[in-house]
C-alpha atoms as a PDB file:
ATOM      1  CA  MET A   1     218.058  75.290  77.673  1.00  0.00           C
ATOM      2  CA  SER A   2     216.736  72.440  75.553  1.00  0.00           C
ATOM      3  CA  ARG A   3     214.631  73.108  72.437  1.00  0.00           C
ATOM      4  CA  HIS A   4     211.671  71.300  74.081  1.00  0.00           C
ATOM      5  CA  THR A   5     211.922  73.498  77.323  1.00  0.00           C
ATOM      6  CA  GLU A   6     212.190  76.702  75.179  1.00  0.00           C
ATOM      7  CA  ARG A   7     209.109  75.799  73.113  1.00  0.00           C
ATOM      8  CA  ALA A   8     207.074  75.068  76.271  1.00  0.00           C
ATOM      9  CA  GLY A   9     207.970  78.411  77.654  1.00  0.00           C
ATOM     10  CA  ILE A  10     206.805  80.209  74.537  1.00  0.00           C
ATOM     11  CA  VAL A  11     203.444  78.401  74.662  1.00  0.00           C
ATOM     12  CA  ALA A  12     202.947  79.361  78.266  1.00  0.00           C
ATOM     13  CA  ILE A  13     203.581  83.008  77.544  1.00  0.00           C
ATOM     14  CA  ALA A  14     201.143  82.939  74.637  1.00  0.00           C
ATOM     15  CA  LEU A  15     198.430  81.443  76.778  1.00  0.00           C
ATOM     16  CA  LEU A  16     199.062  84.068  79.512  1.00  0.00           C
ATOM     17  CA  ALA A  17     198.621  86.848  76.863  1.00  0.00           C
ATOM     18  CA  ILE A  18     195.360  85.358  75.539  1.00  0.00           C
ATOM     19  CA  ALA A  19     193.997  85.223  79.076  1.00  0.00           C
ATOM     20  CA  THR A  20     194.988  88.871  79.788  1.00  0.00           C
ATOM     21  CA  ILE A  21     193.306  90.099  76.600  1.00  0.00           C
ATOM     22  CA  SER A  22     190.137  88.133  77.380  1.00  0.00           C
ATOM     23  CA  THR A  23     189.667  89.910  80.788  1.00  0.00           C
ATOM     24  CA  ALA A  24     189.665  93.316  78.963  1.00  0.00           C
ATOM     25  CA  VAL A  25     186.948  92.533  76.468  1.00  0.00           C
ATOM     26  CA  ILE A  26     184.001  95.053  76.606  1.00  0.00           C
ATOM     27  CA  VAL A  27     180.446  93.755  76.652  1.00  0.00           C
ATOM     28  CA  ALA A  28     178.808  95.562  73.729  1.00  0.00           C
ATOM     29  CA  VAL A  29     175.172  95.103  72.537  1.00  0.00           C
ATOM     30  CA  ASP A  30     173.516  96.633  69.405  1.00  0.00           C
ATOM     31  CA  SER A  31     169.803  97.049  69.680  1.00  0.00           C
ATOM     32  CA  GLY A  32     169.296  96.951  65.924  1.00  0.00           C
ATOM     33  CA  GLY A  33     166.451  99.311  64.950  1.00  0.00           C
ATOM     34  CA  GLY A  34     166.259 101.002  68.378  1.00  0.00           C
ATOM     35  CA  PRO A  35     168.732 103.237  70.147  1.00  0.00           C
ATOM     36  CA  ALA A  36     172.385 102.486  69.636  1.00  0.00           C
ATOM     37  CA  VAL A  37     173.908 100.725  72.636  1.00  0.00           C
ATOM     38  CA  ALA A  38     177.648 100.088  73.254  1.00  0.00           C
ATOM     39  CA  GLY A  39     180.016  99.512  76.118  1.00  0.00           C
ATOM     40  CA  SER A  40     182.106 102.577  76.760  1.00  0.00           C
ATOM     41  CA  SER A  41     184.912 101.625  79.088  1.00  0.00           C
ATOM     42  CA  ASP A  42     187.893  99.347  79.117  1.00  0.00           C
ATOM     43  CA  ASP A  43     186.701  97.239  82.040  1.00  0.00           C
ATOM     44  CA  GLY A  44     183.151  96.585  80.688  1.00  0.00           C
ATOM     45  CA  HIS A  45     181.477  98.333  83.663  1.00  0.00           C
ATOM     46  CA  THR A  46     179.442 100.935  81.788  1.00  0.00           C
ATOM     47  CA  ILE A  47     176.813 100.891  79.024  1.00  0.00           C
ATOM     48  CA  SER A  48     175.799 103.864  76.876  1.00  0.00           C
ATOM     49  CA  VAL A  49     172.498 104.299  75.149  1.00  0.00           C
ATOM     50  CA  THR A  50     171.053 107.042  72.892  1.00  0.00           C
ATOM     51  CA  GLY A  51     167.348 107.741  73.348  1.00  0.00           C
ATOM     52  CA  GLU A  52     165.234 110.193  71.341  1.00  0.00           C
ATOM     53  CA  GLY A  53     161.885 111.832  72.378  1.00  0.00           C
ATOM     54  CA  SER A  54     159.741 113.925  70.006  1.00  0.00           C
ATOM     55  CA  VAL A  55     156.581 115.899  70.707  1.00  0.00           C
ATOM     56  CA  GLN A  56     154.348 118.011  68.435  1.00  0.00           C
ATOM     57  CA  GLY A  57     153.812 121.742  68.962  1.00  0.00           C
ATOM     58  CA  VAL A  58     151.893 124.549  67.238  1.00  0.00           C
ATOM     59  CA  PRO A  59     154.183 127.304  65.839  1.00  0.00           C
ATOM     60  CA  ASP A  60     153.750 130.735  67.394  1.00  0.00           C
ATOM     61  CA  THR A  61     156.109 132.913  65.255  1.00  0.00           C
ATOM     62  CA  LEU A  62     156.426 133.630  61.632  1.00  0.00           C
ATOM     63  CA  THR A  63     159.630 134.945  59.987  1.00  0.00           C
ATOM     64  CA  ALA A  64     159.211 136.717  56.692  1.00  0.00           C
ATOM     65  CA  THR A  65     161.866 138.007  54.263  1.00  0.00           C
ATOM     66  CA  PHE A  66     160.857 141.168  52.371  1.00  0.00           C
ATOM     67  CA  ARG A  67     162.952 142.271  49.382  1.00  0.00           C
ATOM     68  CA  VAL A  68     162.833 145.709  47.756  1.00  0.00           C
ATOM     69  CA  HIS A  69     164.342 146.133  44.312  1.00  0.00           C
ATOM     70  CA  ASP A  70     164.774 149.376  42.279  1.00  0.00           C
ATOM     71  CA  ARG A  71     166.396 150.462  39.067  1.00  0.00           C
ATOM     72  CA  ALA A  72     167.853 153.917  38.350  1.00  0.00           C
ATOM     73  CA  ALA A  73     170.186 155.601  35.933  1.00  0.00           C
ATOM     74  CA  ASP A  74     173.023 155.967  38.464  1.00  0.00           C
ATOM     75  CA  VAL A  75     174.257 154.130  41.572  1.00  0.00           C
ATOM     76  CA  GLN A  76     173.197 156.645  44.116  1.00  0.00           C
ATOM     77  CA  ALA A  77     169.714 157.005  42.732  1.00  0.00           C
ATOM     78  CA  ALA A  78     169.237 153.261  42.752  1.00  0.00           C
ATOM     79  CA  LEU A  79     170.455 152.952  46.394  1.00  0.00           C
ATOM     80  CA  ASP A  80     168.309 155.964  47.488  1.00  0.00           C
ATOM     81  CA  ALA A  81     165.210 154.455  45.917  1.00  0.00           C
ATOM     82  CA  ALA A  82     165.802 151.011  47.622  1.00  0.00           C
ATOM     83  CA  ASN A  83     166.503 152.688  50.978  1.00  0.00           C
ATOM     84  CA  HIS A  84     163.303 154.820  50.668  1.00  0.00           C
ATOM     85  CA  HIS A  85     161.210 151.671  50.023  1.00  0.00           C
ATOM     86  CA  VAL A  86     162.766 149.788  52.926  1.00  0.00           C
ATOM     87  CA  ASP A  87     161.909 152.745  55.185  1.00  0.00           C
ATOM     88  CA  GLN A  88     158.283 152.541  54.046  1.00  0.00           C
ATOM     89  CA  VAL A  89     158.262 148.793  54.792  1.00  0.00           C
ATOM     90  CA  ILE A  90     159.701 149.325  58.261  1.00  0.00           C
ATOM     91  CA  ALA A  91     157.201 152.116  58.994  1.00  0.00           C
ATOM     92  CA  ALA A  92     154.332 149.874  57.965  1.00  0.00           C
ATOM     93  CA  LEU A  93     155.576 147.064  60.199  1.00  0.00           C
ATOM     94  CA  ARG A  94     156.044 149.400  63.190  1.00  0.00           C
ATOM     95  CA  HIS A  95     152.484 150.664  62.693  1.00  0.00           C
ATOM     96  CA  LYS A  96     151.297 147.000  63.026  1.00  0.00           C
ATOM     97  CA  GLY A  97     153.251 146.536  66.209  1.00  0.00           C
ATOM     98  CA  VAL A  98     156.480 144.909  65.112  1.00  0.00           C
ATOM     99  CA  ASN A  99     159.403 145.935  67.228  1.00  0.00           C
ATOM    100  CA  ASN A 100     162.675 147.241  65.829  1.00  0.00           C
ATOM    101  CA  LYS A 101     164.624 144.420  67.409  1.00  0.00           C
ATOM    102  CA  ASP A 102     162.603 141.941  65.273  1.00  0.00           C
ATOM    103  CA  MET A 103     163.625 143.545  62.027  1.00  0.00           C
ATOM    104  CA  GLN A 104     167.099 142.992  60.484  1.00  0.00           C
ATOM    105  CA  THR A 105     168.756 143.714  57.162  1.00  0.00           C
ATOM    106  CA  ALA A 106     169.454 140.380  55.575  1.00  0.00           C
ATOM    107  CA  ASP A 107     171.073 141.295  52.294  1.00  0.00           C
ATOM    108  CA  LEU A 108     172.124 144.226  50.086  1.00  0.00           C
ATOM    109  CA  SER A 109     173.126 144.112  46.465  1.00  0.00           C
ATOM    110  CA  LEU A 110     173.931 146.459  43.618  1.00  0.00           C
ATOM    111  CA  ASP A 111     174.212 145.419  39.951  1.00  0.00           C
ATOM    112  CA  THR A 112     174.407 146.912  36.508  1.00  0.00           C
ATOM    113  CA  SER A 113     171.144 146.614  34.499  1.00  0.00           C
ATOM    114  CA  TYR A 114     171.006 145.965  30.762  1.00  0.00           C
ATOM    115  CA  ASP A 115     168.509 146.646  28.061  1.00  0.00           C
ATOM    116  CA  GLN A 116     167.170 144.062  25.601  1.00  0.00           C
ATOM    117  CA  ASN A 117     170.208 144.432  23.423  1.00  0.00           C
ATOM    118  CA  GLY A 118     172.602 143.749  26.293  1.00  0.00           C
ATOM    119  CA  HIS A 119     173.696 147.402  26.713  1.00  0.00           C
ATOM    120  CA  PRO A 120     174.146 148.826  30.136  1.00  0.00           C
ATOM    121  CA  ASN A 121     171.129 151.158  31.047  1.00  0.00           C
ATOM    122  CA  GLY A 122     171.534 151.832  34.694  1.00  0.00           C
ATOM    123  CA  TYR A 123     171.809 150.141  38.079  1.00  0.00           C
ATOM    124  CA  GLU A 124     169.597 147.756  40.107  1.00  0.00           C
ATOM    125  CA  ALA A 125     169.646 148.015  43.895  1.00  0.00           C
ATOM    126  CA  SER A 126     168.155 145.356  46.159  1.00  0.00           C
ATOM    127  CA  GLU A 127     167.796 145.133  49.929  1.00  0.00           C
ATOM    128  CA  SER A 128     166.302 142.250  51.991  1.00  0.00           C
ATOM    129  CA  LEU A 129     164.691 142.715  55.455  1.00  0.00           C
ATOM    130  CA  SER A 130     164.177 139.718  57.699  1.00  0.00           C
ATOM    131  CA  VAL A 131     161.115 140.277  60.023  1.00  0.00           C
ATOM    132  CA  ARG A 132     159.992 138.156  62.939  1.00  0.00           C
ATOM    133  CA  ILE A 133     156.258 138.398  63.594  1.00  0.00           C
ATOM    134  CA  LYS A 134     155.198 137.067  67.015  1.00  0.00           C
ATOM    135  CA  GLY A 135     151.705 135.619  67.303  1.00  0.00           C
ATOM    136  CA  LEU A 136     149.841 134.399  64.305  1.00  0.00           C
ATOM    137  CA  ASP A 137     146.334 135.840  64.948  1.00  0.00           C
ATOM    138  CA  HIS A 138     146.935 138.980  62.833  1.00  0.00           C
ATOM    139  CA  VAL A 139     149.820 137.942  60.728  1.00  0.00           C
ATOM    140  CA  GLY A 140     147.932 138.265  57.468  1.00  0.00           C
ATOM    141  CA  GLN A 141     147.250 141.926  58.148  1.00  0.00           C
ATOM    142  CA  VAL A 142     150.893 142.503  58.968  1.00  0.00           C
ATOM    143  CA  LEU A 143     152.106 140.867  55.754  1.00  0.00           C
ATOM    144  CA  SER A 144     149.514 142.866  53.782  1.00  0.00           C
ATOM    145  CA  ALA A 145     150.578 146.163  55.363  1.00  0.00           C
ATOM    146  CA  ALA A 146     154.257 145.589  54.668  1.00  0.00           C
ATOM    147  CA  ALA A 147     153.814 144.170  51.107  1.00  0.00           C
ATOM    148  CA  THR A 148     151.659 147.001  49.958  1.00  0.00           C
ATOM    149  CA  SER A 149     153.686 149.740  51.478  1.00  0.00           C
ATOM    150  CA  ALA A 150     156.327 150.067  48.710  1.00  0.00           C
ATOM    151  CA  SER A 151     154.222 149.781  45.546  1.00  0.00           C
ATOM    152  CA  ASN A 152     155.384 147.082  43.159  1.00  0.00           C
ATOM    153  CA  SER A 153     159.074 147.369  44.265  1.00  0.00           C
ATOM    154  CA  ILE A 154     158.671 144.642  46.970  1.00  0.00           C
ATOM    155  CA  SER A 155     158.422 140.873  47.045  1.00  0.00           C
ATOM    156  CA  ILE A 156     158.187 138.377  49.887  1.00  0.00           C
ATOM    157  CA  ASP A 157     161.002 135.887  49.299  1.00  0.00           C
ATOM    158  CA  GLY A 158     160.253 133.364  52.034  1.00  0.00           C
ATOM    159  CA  LEU A 159     158.240 132.572  55.143  1.00  0.00           C
ATOM    160  CA  SER A 160     158.993 130.198  57.978  1.00  0.00           C
ATOM    161  CA  LEU A 161     156.980 129.090  60.997  1.00  0.00           C
ATOM    162  CA  ASP A 162     158.733 128.455  64.298  1.00  0.00           C
ATOM    163  CA  ILE A 163     158.016 127.565  67.908  1.00  0.00           C
ATOM    164  CA  THR A 164     159.687 130.051  70.227  1.00  0.00           C
ATOM    165  CA  LYS A 165     157.811 129.147  73.462  1.00  0.00           C
ATOM    166  CA  ASP A 166     159.077 125.551  73.569  1.00  0.00           C
ATOM    167  CA  ALA A 167     160.275 125.066  77.078  1.00  0.00           C
ATOM    168  CA  ALA A 168     157.424 122.860  78.107  1.00  0.00           C
ATOM    169  CA  LEU A 169     157.673 120.889  74.873  1.00  0.00           C
ATOM    170  CA  ILE A 170     161.394 120.282  75.427  1.00  0.00           C
ATOM    171  CA  ASP A 171     160.699 119.035  79.006  1.00  0.00           C
ATOM    172  CA  ARG A 172     158.236 116.491  77.591  1.00  0.00           C
ATOM    173  CA  ALA A 173     160.607 115.372  74.800  1.00  0.00           C
ATOM    174  CA  ARG A 174     163.428 115.082  77.234  1.00  0.00           C
ATOM    175  CA  ALA A 175     161.415 112.781  79.537  1.00  0.00           C
ATOM    176  CA  LYS A 176     160.498 110.560  76.648  1.00  0.00           C
ATOM    177  CA  ALA A 177     164.147 110.418  75.463  1.00  0.00           C
ATOM    178  CA  PHE A 178     165.377 109.408  78.919  1.00  0.00           C
ATOM    179  CA  ALA A 179     162.673 106.811  79.416  1.00  0.00           C
ATOM    180  CA  GLU A 180     163.524 105.295  75.998  1.00  0.00           C
ATOM    181  CA  ALA A 181     167.224 105.171  76.787  1.00  0.00           C
ATOM    182  CA  LYS A 182     166.770 103.760  80.199  1.00  0.00           C
ATOM    183  CA  ALA A 183     164.476 101.042  78.987  1.00  0.00           C
ATOM    184  CA  ALA A 184     166.919  99.977  76.277  1.00  0.00           C
ATOM    185  CA  ALA A 185     169.898 100.112  78.656  1.00  0.00           C
ATOM    186  CA  ALA A 186     168.130  98.005  81.276  1.00  0.00           C
ATOM    187  CA  GLN A 187     167.128  95.358  78.667  1.00  0.00           C
ATOM    188  CA  ASN A 188     170.604  95.176  77.284  1.00  0.00           C
ATOM    189  CA  ALA A 189     172.129  94.828  80.732  1.00  0.00           C
ATOM    190  CA  ALA A 190     169.693  92.090  81.553  1.00  0.00           C
ATOM    191  CA  LEU A 191     170.565  90.211  78.378  1.00  0.00           C
ATOM    192  CA  ALA A 192     174.176  90.276  79.416  1.00  0.00           C
ATOM    193  CA  ASP A 193     173.226  88.996  82.907  1.00  0.00           C
ATOM    194  CA  ARG A 194     174.089  92.421  84.429  1.00  0.00           C
ATOM    195  CA  ARG A 195     172.131  94.961  86.383  1.00  0.00           C
ATOM    196  CA  LEU A 196     171.778  98.680  85.552  1.00  0.00           C
ATOM    197  CA  GLY A 197     173.520 100.924  88.012  1.00  0.00           C
ATOM    198  CA  ASP A 198     173.954 104.743  88.404  1.00  0.00           C
ATOM    199  CA  VAL A 199     174.070 107.326  85.669  1.00  0.00           C
ATOM    200  CA  VAL A 200     177.610 108.396  84.832  1.00  0.00           C
ATOM    201  CA  SER A 201     176.878 111.123  82.228  1.00  0.00           C
ATOM    202  CA  ILE A 202     174.155 112.593  80.037  1.00  0.00           C
ATOM    203  CA  LYS A 203     174.742 114.496  76.802  1.00  0.00           C
ATOM    204  CA  GLU A 204     171.752 116.327  75.312  1.00  0.00           C
ATOM    205  CA  THR A 205     170.972 117.526  71.776  1.00  0.00           C
ATOM    206  CA  THR A 206     167.809 119.594  71.154  1.00  0.00           C
ATOM    207  CA  GLU A 207     166.316 119.724  67.692  1.00  0.00           C
ATOM    208  CA  GLY A 208     163.518 122.034  66.514  1.00  0.00           C
ATOM    209  CA  SER A 209     162.274 122.500  63.047  1.00  0.00           C
ATOM    210  CA  SER A 210     160.754 125.302  61.008  1.00  0.00           C
ATOM    211  CA  THR A 211     158.194 125.040  58.271  1.00  0.00           C
ATOM    212  CA  PRO A 212     159.294 127.028  55.208  1.00  0.00           C
ATOM    213  CA  VAL A 213     156.895 128.472  52.695  1.00  0.00           C
ATOM    214  CA  PRO A 214     159.225 128.818  49.729  1.00  0.00           C
ATOM    215  CA  GLN A 215     156.748 130.342  47.266  1.00  0.00           C
ATOM    216  CA  PRO A 216     157.584 134.044  46.588  1.00  0.00           C
ATOM    217  CA  PHE A 217     154.659 136.277  45.814  1.00  0.00           C
ATOM    218  CA  TYR A 218     154.577 139.939  44.785  1.00  0.00           C
ATOM    219  CA  ALA A 219     152.877 143.129  45.825  1.00  0.00           C
ATOM    220  CA  ASP A 220     150.646 143.423  42.821  1.00  0.00           C
ATOM    221  CA  ALA A 221     148.955 140.082  43.657  1.00  0.00           C
ATOM    222  CA  LEU A 222     148.833 141.012  47.392  1.00  0.00           C
ATOM    223  CA  HIS A 223     146.907 144.203  46.770  1.00  0.00           C
ATOM    224  CA  ALA A 224     143.806 142.150  46.030  1.00  0.00           C
ATOM    225  CA  THR A 225     144.320 139.120  48.314  1.00  0.00           C
ATOM    226  CA  ALA A 226     146.596 139.979  51.276  1.00  0.00           C
ATOM    227  CA  LYS A 227     143.850 141.077  53.671  1.00  0.00           C
ATOM    228  CA  SER A 228     142.360 137.624  53.449  1.00  0.00           C
ATOM    229  CA  ILE A 229     145.699 135.733  53.793  1.00  0.00           C
ATOM    230  CA  ALA A 230     145.245 132.883  56.263  1.00  0.00           C
ATOM    231  CA  ILE A 231     148.325 131.351  57.821  1.00  0.00           C
ATOM    232  CA  ARG A 232     147.744 127.721  58.784  1.00  0.00           C
ATOM    233  CA  PRO A 233     150.464 126.857  61.272  1.00  0.00           C
ATOM    234  CA  GLY A 234     149.723 123.176  61.625  1.00  0.00           C
ATOM    235  CA  GLN A 235     152.126 121.311  63.896  1.00  0.00           C
ATOM    236  CA  GLN A 236     155.848 120.643  63.934  1.00  0.00           C
ATOM    237  CA  PRO A 237     158.084 118.435  66.078  1.00  0.00           C
ATOM    238  CA  VAL A 238     160.420 119.359  68.876  1.00  0.00           C
ATOM    239  CA  SER A 239     162.912 116.588  69.568  1.00  0.00           C
ATOM    240  CA  VAL A 240     165.521 115.860  72.289  1.00  0.00           C
ATOM    241  CA  ARG A 241     168.270 113.298  71.927  1.00  0.00           C
ATOM    242  CA  LEU A 242     170.052 112.039  75.090  1.00  0.00           C
ATOM    243  CA  ALA A 243     173.227 110.027  75.131  1.00  0.00           C
ATOM    244  CA  VAL A 244     173.250 108.477  78.595  1.00  0.00           C
ATOM    245  CA  VAL A 245     175.957 106.335  80.205  1.00  0.00           C
ATOM    246  CA  TRP A 246     175.170 103.975  83.105  1.00  0.00           C
ATOM    247  CA  THR A 247     177.310 101.750  85.221  1.00  0.00           C
ATOM    248  CA  ILE A 248     176.443  98.053  85.062  1.00  0.00           C
ATOM    249  CA  GLU A 249     176.904  95.644  87.920  1.00  0.00           C
END
């Protein structure tokens, strides 16, 4: 074979390879500030879009963390004192209608205590109780009853507001997310001179949020003010994110 013929053959093979690669290129479009859009198959016949829908709802449940803390000369006495005060808190909560299933031990600790000179002088026991209070109409009275049930051995370490009855909110957020994704997918398909086809797959992520109240406050302050505590639930978002894949024609 002559050198000229060999060179011509190499050029022909290279052109064929370029043509083959060109037919496998995926059409991909990025919508910038909107949902992310990208081709998702090797033949360029699908398009995927992520849409997000968010709606506002009013919290209906409060979760409070109560912590009792006691010091005694020996380990058993410290543990017994903490356990006694937790029982008092639980009894007060039951009296206000909180179910056993909505109360859970969250933490238990035991440490050596020291005097002002750094010498050991006993032990400190601490136990935390996480309590879910459903309905916010009387939550101030529930907090007051629990917080004043164990003298000054108790503190409230944290509060959070949550939406538990969120099925209708999720439905509305899901519809908004799908509408957003479909509109973006249709626009991007049209920009590529294609038409949106059938849905291939949908992947959903649901996001709720809680509103923490991080300020701890103690029983001695609550004795005077707890009965007038007003919880203002406000609103918080419930969001659904959908990753949807369509065929394009």
